[in-house]
Amino acid sequence: GLVLLATHGEPLRDGQSVLDYRLRFAPADDGPRQLAVGEVFGGDLRLEGVFQVALTACHLGEVVLRGEEALGFAQAFLSAGAG
């Protein structure tokens, strides 16, 4: 029931919304892995049975500068089924 994500966060560029914020994971054999807030809201990640998600990422504190806290990864993980 615990998920730990130690990742690199990609800063948002002008014109992007918090839904575009991406986490980048270590590359796999077939290329880089990434996950955006919008993809979690879209159902690309299911977390049923997970009671806690711990997320560490650079630039994470810089993402929510416009009052969009409800649309960040915390809400996305809850919508994906995490407790």
Protein backbone atom coordinates (compact mmCIF):
# COMPACT_ATOMS: atom_id res chain seq x y z
CA GLY A 1 0.00 0.00 0.00
CA LEU A 2 2.88 2.51 -0.20
CA VAL A 3 4.16 4.11 -3.41
CA LEU A 4 7.36 6.16 -3.38
CA LEU A 5 8.11 8.27 -6.44
CA ALA A 6 11.57 9.82 -6.44
CA THR A 7 11.63 11.66 -9.75
CA HIS A 8 12.68 14.73 -11.65
CA GLY A 9 9.98 17.33 -12.17
CA GLU A 10 9.89 19.38 -15.34
CA PRO A 11 9.12 23.06 -14.76
CA LEU A 12 6.06 24.44 -16.52
CA ARG A 13 6.63 26.72 -19.47
CA ASP A 14 4.54 29.80 -20.26
CA GLY A 15 1.10 28.81 -21.46
CA GLN A 16 1.11 25.39 -19.80
CA SER A 17 -1.38 24.46 -17.11
CA VAL A 18 -0.74 22.39 -14.00
CA LEU A 19 -2.22 19.43 -15.93
CA ASP A 20 0.90 19.56 -18.13
CA TYR A 21 3.32 19.19 -15.19
CA ARG A 22 5.39 16.04 -15.77
CA LEU A 23 7.43 13.73 -13.64
CA ARG A 24 10.39 12.17 -15.40
CA PHE A 25 11.66 8.77 -14.32
CA ALA A 26 14.92 6.99 -15.11
CA PRO A 27 15.11 5.96 -18.76
CA ALA A 28 14.24 2.41 -19.71
CA ASP A 29 15.61 0.46 -22.65
CA ASP A 30 12.92 1.88 -24.91
CA GLY A 31 13.35 5.51 -23.83
CA PRO A 32 12.44 7.93 -21.06
CA ARG A 33 9.43 7.40 -18.83
CA GLN A 34 7.22 10.27 -17.77
CA LEU A 35 3.85 10.93 -16.17
CA ALA A 36 1.77 14.12 -16.34
CA VAL A 37 -0.92 15.26 -13.92
CA GLY A 38 -3.44 15.21 -16.78
CA GLU A 39 -2.59 11.58 -17.57
CA VAL A 40 -3.37 10.54 -13.99
CA PHE A 41 -6.71 12.38 -14.13
CA GLY A 42 -7.31 10.67 -17.50
CA GLY A 43 -7.07 7.21 -15.94
CA ASP A 44 -3.56 6.25 -17.08
CA LEU A 45 -2.59 5.33 -13.51
CA ARG A 46 -4.70 3.32 -11.06
CA LEU A 47 -3.82 3.29 -7.37
CA GLU A 48 -6.56 1.19 -5.78
CA GLY A 49 -5.32 -0.35 -2.55
CA VAL A 50 -2.59 2.27 -2.11
CA PHE A 51 -2.93 4.05 1.22
CA GLN A 52 -0.01 6.46 0.84
CA VAL A 53 1.90 8.07 -2.01
CA ALA A 54 5.19 9.83 -1.29
CA LEU A 55 6.38 12.11 -4.07
CA THR A 56 9.73 13.86 -4.25
CA ALA A 57 10.59 15.84 -7.35
CA CYS A 58 12.58 18.94 -8.16
CA HIS A 59 10.50 21.97 -9.18
CA LEU A 60 7.47 20.51 -7.39
CA GLY A 61 7.06 23.61 -5.23
CA GLU A 62 7.28 25.89 -8.26
CA VAL A 63 4.35 24.32 -10.08
CA VAL A 64 1.43 25.72 -8.15
CA LEU A 65 1.85 29.46 -8.32
CA ARG A 66 -1.61 30.33 -9.60
CA GLY A 67 -3.94 28.79 -6.99
CA GLU A 68 -4.39 25.46 -8.80
CA GLU A 69 -3.58 23.28 -5.79
CA ALA A 70 -6.72 21.17 -6.30
CA LEU A 71 -5.48 20.05 -9.71
CA GLY A 72 -1.99 18.93 -8.68
CA PHE A 73 -0.60 15.44 -8.20
CA ALA A 74 -2.15 15.12 -4.70
CA GLN A 75 -5.68 15.40 -6.10
CA ALA A 76 -4.74 13.32 -9.15
CA PHE A 77 -3.47 10.45 -6.98
CA LEU A 78 -6.64 10.58 -4.89
CA SER A 79 -8.74 10.44 -8.07
CA ALA A 80 -6.67 7.40 -9.15
CA GLY A 81 -7.77 5.56 -6.02
CA ALA A 82 -5.03 6.23 -3.46
CA GLY A 83 -6.20 6.69 0.11
